[in-house]
Amino acid sequence: MNTSRVDYSNYENKLSLKNKMGRLIWNIISLLFFRPFSNPIFRSYRVFVLNLFGAKVHATSLVFSSVRIWAPWNLIMEKHTVLGAYVDCYNPGKVILKSNSIVSQRVFLCSASHNIESSRHNLVVAPIVIESQAWVAAGAYIGMGVTIHEGAVVGATASVFKDVEPWTVVGGNPAKFLKKRVLKD
């Protein structure tokens, strides 16, 4: 039996003042100059605003105005990628979408957690990578350190805690292999 105790009074937030100030400014700018511009004609404008805040979003990418992005400077989106409506991109660690990948509506991308083996409950981060031609369907959860490999599909509402192999379909909580993905056209 473990006699140690968790003591949150020892918790230290290791995020820099620069990071905290950047997020404060981003939240204000996002509220005033990003989220209100939901019309499709503002697609390029939203990409411009994200890139102003250090994101690396390709001009052909689509980011819905309802997306919540914690730290734009930790977001990389290659050509023809999508962050769908109401995606929650909690990205203290990098979130990378490779070309032709889609993250559908209401997905939660979570690139951070806490060390449950430490009494200090320290923040830990690891990148999320969604490789080329992959699709994360509606309402899924993608945890820190996960790679959704090329051509893989994460089914709606799945919870993914481990890498997803290329050209496979996974679903459930926790996500499990369902079948191989085979393109027929």
C-alpha atoms as a PDB file:
ATOM      1  CA  MET A   1       0.000   0.000   0.000  1.00  0.00           C
ATOM      2  CA  ASN A   2       1.263   3.454  -0.932  1.00  0.00           C
ATOM      3  CA  THR A   3       1.581   5.805   2.044  1.00  0.00           C
ATOM      4  CA  SER A   4       2.458   8.875  -0.068  1.00  0.00           C
ATOM      5  CA  ARG A   5      -0.068  11.639  -0.414  1.00  0.00           C
ATOM      6  CA  VAL A   6      -0.920  13.888  -3.304  1.00  0.00           C
ATOM      7  CA  ASP A   7      -0.392  17.462  -2.229  1.00  0.00           C
ATOM      8  CA  TYR A   8      -1.567  20.028  -4.764  1.00  0.00           C
ATOM      9  CA  SER A   9      -0.139  22.840  -2.663  1.00  0.00           C
ATOM     10  CA  ASN A  10       3.242  21.795  -4.115  1.00  0.00           C
ATOM     11  CA  TYR A  11       2.034  22.175  -7.708  1.00  0.00           C
ATOM     12  CA  GLU A  12       4.265  24.419  -9.804  1.00  0.00           C
ATOM     13  CA  ASN A  13       3.017  25.829 -13.072  1.00  0.00           C
ATOM     14  CA  LYS A  14       6.095  25.571 -15.310  1.00  0.00           C
ATOM     15  CA  LEU A  15       4.596  27.626 -18.124  1.00  0.00           C
ATOM     16  CA  SER A  16       6.497  30.851 -18.668  1.00  0.00           C
ATOM     17  CA  LEU A  17       5.115  34.327 -18.120  1.00  0.00           C
ATOM     18  CA  LYS A  18       5.560  34.884 -21.869  1.00  0.00           C
ATOM     19  CA  ASN A  19       3.343  31.853 -22.536  1.00  0.00           C
ATOM     20  CA  LYS A  20       0.684  33.041 -20.095  1.00  0.00           C
ATOM     21  CA  MET A  21       0.686  36.574 -21.509  1.00  0.00           C
ATOM     22  CA  GLY A  22       0.564  35.221 -25.061  1.00  0.00           C
ATOM     23  CA  ARG A  23      -2.479  33.134 -24.211  1.00  0.00           C
ATOM     24  CA  LEU A  24      -4.183  36.091 -22.536  1.00  0.00           C
ATOM     25  CA  ILE A  25      -3.640  38.272 -25.607  1.00  0.00           C
ATOM     26  CA  TRP A  26      -4.662  35.399 -27.915  1.00  0.00           C
ATOM     27  CA  ASN A  27      -7.907  34.854 -25.991  1.00  0.00           C
ATOM     28  CA  ILE A  28      -8.825  38.515 -26.340  1.00  0.00           C
ATOM     29  CA  ILE A  29      -7.912  38.630 -30.040  1.00  0.00           C
ATOM     30  CA  SER A  30      -9.691  35.332 -30.665  1.00  0.00           C
ATOM     31  CA  LEU A  31     -12.857  36.628 -29.012  1.00  0.00           C
ATOM     32  CA  LEU A  32     -12.851  39.893 -30.950  1.00  0.00           C
ATOM     33  CA  PHE A  33     -11.118  39.144 -34.254  1.00  0.00           C
ATOM     34  CA  PHE A  34     -11.357  35.397 -34.915  1.00  0.00           C
ATOM     35  CA  ARG A  35     -14.528  33.783 -33.568  1.00  0.00           C
ATOM     36  CA  PRO A  36     -16.998  36.415 -34.908  1.00  0.00           C
ATOM     37  CA  PHE A  37     -15.787  35.868 -38.488  1.00  0.00           C
ATOM     38  CA  SER A  38     -17.656  32.642 -39.201  1.00  0.00           C
ATOM     39  CA  ASN A  39     -18.695  33.285 -42.790  1.00  0.00           C
ATOM     40  CA  PRO A  40     -16.766  31.143 -45.317  1.00  0.00           C
ATOM     41  CA  ILE A  41     -15.497  34.293 -47.040  1.00  0.00           C
ATOM     42  CA  PHE A  42     -13.308  34.880 -43.953  1.00  0.00           C
ATOM     43  CA  ARG A  43     -11.472  31.540 -44.313  1.00  0.00           C
ATOM     44  CA  SER A  44      -8.193  33.180 -45.401  1.00  0.00           C
ATOM     45  CA  TYR A  45      -8.564  35.896 -42.786  1.00  0.00           C
ATOM     46  CA  ARG A  46      -8.802  33.291 -39.971  1.00  0.00           C
ATOM     47  CA  VAL A  47      -5.643  31.577 -41.281  1.00  0.00           C
ATOM     48  CA  PHE A  48      -3.932  34.988 -41.356  1.00  0.00           C
ATOM     49  CA  VAL A  49      -4.873  35.709 -37.724  1.00  0.00           C
ATOM     50  CA  LEU A  50      -3.618  32.299 -36.575  1.00  0.00           C
ATOM     51  CA  ASN A  51      -0.341  32.766 -38.430  1.00  0.00           C
ATOM     52  CA  LEU A  52       0.076  36.201 -36.814  1.00  0.00           C
ATOM     53  CA  PHE A  53       0.103  34.357 -33.486  1.00  0.00           C
ATOM     54  CA  GLY A  54       2.806  31.923 -34.554  1.00  0.00           C
ATOM     55  CA  ALA A  55       0.738  29.111 -36.035  1.00  0.00           C
ATOM     56  CA  LYS A  56       1.973  27.537 -39.245  1.00  0.00           C
ATOM     57  CA  VAL A  57      -1.284  27.102 -41.138  1.00  0.00           C
ATOM     58  CA  HIS A  58      -1.197  26.614 -44.908  1.00  0.00           C
ATOM     59  CA  ALA A  59      -3.377  28.936 -46.985  1.00  0.00           C
ATOM     60  CA  THR A  60      -5.454  25.981 -48.245  1.00  0.00           C
ATOM     61  CA  SER A  61      -6.367  24.866 -44.715  1.00  0.00           C
ATOM     62  CA  LEU A  62      -9.813  25.370 -43.218  1.00  0.00           C
ATOM     63  CA  VAL A  63     -10.185  26.350 -39.581  1.00  0.00           C
ATOM     64  CA  PHE A  64     -13.750  26.963 -38.447  1.00  0.00           C
ATOM     65  CA  SER A  65     -14.297  30.095 -36.357  1.00  0.00           C
ATOM     66  CA  SER A  66     -15.810  28.041 -33.522  1.00  0.00           C
ATOM     67  CA  VAL A  67     -12.544  26.118 -32.985  1.00  0.00           C
ATOM     68  CA  ARG A  68     -10.904  26.740 -29.613  1.00  0.00           C
ATOM     69  CA  ILE A  69      -7.126  26.836 -29.885  1.00  0.00           C
ATOM     70  CA  TRP A  70      -5.190  27.098 -26.630  1.00  0.00           C
ATOM     71  CA  ALA A  71      -1.812  28.132 -28.104  1.00  0.00           C
ATOM     72  CA  PRO A  72      -1.730  28.988 -31.826  1.00  0.00           C
ATOM     73  CA  TRP A  73       2.087  28.939 -31.807  1.00  0.00           C
ATOM     74  CA  ASN A  74       1.884  25.167 -31.178  1.00  0.00           C
ATOM     75  CA  LEU A  75      -0.351  24.479 -34.198  1.00  0.00           C
ATOM     76  CA  ILE A  76       0.949  23.267 -37.573  1.00  0.00           C
ATOM     77  CA  MET A  77      -1.459  22.562 -40.434  1.00  0.00           C
ATOM     78  CA  GLU A  78      -0.155  21.529 -43.834  1.00  0.00           C
ATOM     79  CA  LYS A  79      -2.051  21.960 -47.110  1.00  0.00           C
ATOM     80  CA  HIS A  80      -5.684  20.854 -47.442  1.00  0.00           C
ATOM     81  CA  THR A  81      -6.277  20.179 -43.748  1.00  0.00           C
ATOM     82  CA  VAL A  82      -9.378  20.877 -41.680  1.00  0.00           C
ATOM     83  CA  LEU A  83     -10.151  21.677 -38.051  1.00  0.00           C
ATOM     84  CA  GLY A  84     -13.922  21.289 -37.989  1.00  0.00           C
ATOM     85  CA  ALA A  85     -16.573  23.167 -36.062  1.00  0.00           C
ATOM     86  CA  TYR A  86     -16.220  23.257 -32.277  1.00  0.00           C
ATOM     87  CA  VAL A  87     -12.913  21.356 -32.188  1.00  0.00           C
ATOM     88  CA  ASP A  88     -11.172  21.891 -28.835  1.00  0.00           C
ATOM     89  CA  CYS A  89      -7.447  22.060 -29.522  1.00  0.00           C
ATOM     90  CA  TYR A  90      -5.811  22.043 -26.087  1.00  0.00           C
ATOM     91  CA  ASN A  91      -2.218  22.301 -27.281  1.00  0.00           C
ATOM     92  CA  PRO A  92       0.429  23.118 -24.675  1.00  0.00           C
ATOM     93  CA  GLY A  93       2.335  20.581 -26.817  1.00  0.00           C
ATOM     94  CA  LYS A  94       2.420  20.667 -30.610  1.00  0.00           C
ATOM     95  CA  VAL A  95      -0.579  19.606 -32.686  1.00  0.00           C
ATOM     96  CA  ILE A  96       0.430  18.758 -36.235  1.00  0.00           C
ATOM     97  CA  LEU A  97      -1.933  18.007 -39.110  1.00  0.00           C
ATOM     98  CA  LYS A  98      -0.189  16.646 -42.192  1.00  0.00           C
ATOM     99  CA  SER A  99      -1.579  17.265 -45.684  1.00  0.00           C
ATOM    100  CA  ASN A 100      -5.089  16.100 -46.567  1.00  0.00           C
ATOM    101  CA  SER A 101      -6.093  15.237 -43.002  1.00  0.00           C
ATOM    102  CA  ILE A 102      -9.382  16.099 -41.339  1.00  0.00           C
ATOM    103  CA  VAL A 103     -10.375  16.645 -37.726  1.00  0.00           C
ATOM    104  CA  SER A 104     -14.178  16.678 -37.657  1.00  0.00           C
ATOM    105  CA  GLN A 105     -16.538  18.635 -35.431  1.00  0.00           C
ATOM    106  CA  ARG A 106     -16.382  18.500 -31.645  1.00  0.00           C
ATOM    107  CA  VAL A 107     -13.112  16.524 -31.486  1.00  0.00           C
ATOM    108  CA  PHE A 108     -10.963  17.109 -28.402  1.00  0.00           C
ATOM    109  CA  LEU A 109      -7.214  17.201 -29.110  1.00  0.00           C
ATOM    110  CA  CYS A 110      -5.384  17.060 -25.760  1.00  0.00           C
ATOM    111  CA  SER A 111      -1.587  17.368 -25.950  1.00  0.00           C
ATOM    112  CA  ALA A 112      -1.058  17.650 -22.186  1.00  0.00           C
ATOM    113  CA  SER A 113      -1.874  15.894 -18.955  1.00  0.00           C
ATOM    114  CA  HIS A 114      -0.431  15.596 -15.466  1.00  0.00           C
ATOM    115  CA  ASN A 115       2.111  13.176 -14.036  1.00  0.00           C
ATOM    116  CA  ILE A 116      -0.004  10.944 -11.803  1.00  0.00           C
ATOM    117  CA  GLU A 117       3.134   9.314 -10.373  1.00  0.00           C
ATOM    118  CA  SER A 118       4.300  12.594  -8.832  1.00  0.00           C
ATOM    119  CA  SER A 119       2.854  14.084  -5.672  1.00  0.00           C
ATOM    120  CA  ARG A 120       3.280  17.468  -7.393  1.00  0.00           C
ATOM    121  CA  HIS A 121       1.011  16.430 -10.278  1.00  0.00           C
ATOM    122  CA  ASN A 122       3.336  18.174 -12.782  1.00  0.00           C
ATOM    123  CA  LEU A 123       2.118  19.141 -16.242  1.00  0.00           C
ATOM    124  CA  VAL A 124       3.461  16.865 -18.972  1.00  0.00           C
ATOM    125  CA  VAL A 125       3.139  17.513 -22.693  1.00  0.00           C
ATOM    126  CA  ALA A 126       3.644  15.452 -25.837  1.00  0.00           C
ATOM    127  CA  PRO A 127       2.729  16.248 -29.437  1.00  0.00           C
ATOM    128  CA  ILE A 128      -0.272  14.964 -31.348  1.00  0.00           C
ATOM    129  CA  VAL A 129       0.416  14.136 -34.994  1.00  0.00           C
ATOM    130  CA  ILE A 130      -2.329  13.433 -37.516  1.00  0.00           C
ATOM    131  CA  GLU A 131      -0.620  12.175 -40.616  1.00  0.00           C
ATOM    132  CA  SER A 132      -1.554  12.623 -44.252  1.00  0.00           C
ATOM    133  CA  GLN A 133      -4.961  11.345 -45.411  1.00  0.00           C
ATOM    134  CA  ALA A 134      -6.114  10.513 -41.879  1.00  0.00           C
ATOM    135  CA  TRP A 135      -9.566  11.365 -40.586  1.00  0.00           C
ATOM    136  CA  VAL A 136     -10.641  11.883 -36.982  1.00  0.00           C
ATOM    137  CA  ALA A 137     -14.440  11.638 -36.933  1.00  0.00           C
ATOM    138  CA  ALA A 138     -16.878  13.676 -34.840  1.00  0.00           C
ATOM    139  CA  GLY A 139     -16.613  13.781 -31.076  1.00  0.00           C
ATOM    140  CA  ALA A 140     -13.400  11.755 -30.765  1.00  0.00           C
ATOM    141  CA  TYR A 141     -10.772  12.287 -28.064  1.00  0.00           C
ATOM    142  CA  ILE A 142      -7.085  12.184 -29.046  1.00  0.00           C
ATOM    143  CA  GLY A 143      -4.645  12.062 -26.136  1.00  0.00           C
ATOM    144  CA  MET A 144      -1.131  13.410 -25.755  1.00  0.00           C
ATOM    145  CA  GLY A 145       1.698  11.719 -27.589  1.00  0.00           C
ATOM    146  CA  VAL A 146      -0.619  10.004 -30.059  1.00  0.00           C
ATOM    147  CA  THR A 147       0.100   9.684 -33.765  1.00  0.00           C
ATOM    148  CA  ILE A 148      -2.777   8.912 -36.098  1.00  0.00           C
ATOM    149  CA  HIS A 149      -0.768   7.390 -38.929  1.00  0.00           C
ATOM    150  CA  GLU A 150      -1.268   7.873 -42.667  1.00  0.00           C
ATOM    151  CA  GLY A 151      -4.731   7.047 -43.962  1.00  0.00           C
ATOM    152  CA  ALA A 152      -6.090   5.928 -40.587  1.00  0.00           C
ATOM    153  CA  VAL A 153      -9.661   6.643 -39.504  1.00  0.00           C
ATOM    154  CA  VAL A 154     -10.719   7.274 -35.906  1.00  0.00           C
ATOM    155  CA  GLY A 155     -14.439   6.550 -35.567  1.00  0.00           C
ATOM    156  CA  ALA A 156     -16.915   8.983 -34.081  1.00  0.00           C
ATOM    157  CA  THR A 157     -16.699   9.371 -30.292  1.00  0.00           C
ATOM    158  CA  ALA A 158     -13.639   7.090 -30.038  1.00  0.00           C
ATOM    159  CA  SER A 159     -11.069   7.737 -27.303  1.00  0.00           C
ATOM    160  CA  VAL A 160      -7.515   7.279 -28.558  1.00  0.00           C
ATOM    161  CA  PHE A 161      -4.652   6.861 -26.089  1.00  0.00           C
ATOM    162  CA  LYS A 162      -2.186   4.949 -28.309  1.00  0.00           C
ATOM    163  CA  ASP A 163      -0.923   5.397 -31.855  1.00  0.00           C
ATOM    164  CA  VAL A 164      -3.245   4.294 -34.661  1.00  0.00           C
ATOM    165  CA  GLU A 165      -1.602   2.170 -37.345  1.00  0.00           C
ATOM    166  CA  PRO A 166      -1.610   3.308 -40.999  1.00  0.00           C
ATOM    167  CA  TRP A 167      -4.709   2.589 -43.076  1.00  0.00           C
ATOM    168  CA  THR A 168      -6.725   1.136 -40.213  1.00  0.00           C
ATOM    169  CA  VAL A 169     -10.083   2.058 -38.725  1.00  0.00           C
ATOM    170  CA  VAL A 170     -10.433   2.232 -34.933  1.00  0.00           C
ATOM    171  CA  GLY A 171     -13.393   2.939 -32.682  1.00  0.00           C
ATOM    172  CA  GLY A 172     -14.654   2.693 -29.130  1.00  0.00           C
ATOM    173  CA  ASN A 173     -13.376   3.685 -25.709  1.00  0.00           C
ATOM    174  CA  PRO A 174     -10.558   2.893 -25.550  1.00  0.00           C
ATOM    175  CA  ALA A 175     -10.189   2.792 -29.318  1.00  0.00           C
ATOM    176  CA  LYS A 176      -9.621  -0.673 -30.775  1.00  0.00           C
ATOM    177  CA  PHE A 177      -8.852  -1.947 -34.255  1.00  0.00           C
ATOM    178  CA  LEU A 178     -12.039  -2.474 -36.297  1.00  0.00           C
ATOM    179  CA  LYS A 179     -10.759  -3.135 -39.806  1.00  0.00           C
ATOM    180  CA  LYS A 180      -8.266  -2.162 -42.478  1.00  0.00           C
ATOM    181  CA  ARG A 181      -9.106   0.908 -44.556  1.00  0.00           C
ATOM    182  CA  VAL A 182      -9.181   0.054 -48.258  1.00  0.00           C
ATOM    183  CA  LEU A 183      -9.930   2.693 -50.880  1.00  0.00           C
ATOM    184  CA  LYS A 184     -12.066   1.196 -53.662  1.00  0.00           C
ATOM    185  CA  ASP A 185     -12.032   3.900 -56.303  1.00  0.00           C
END
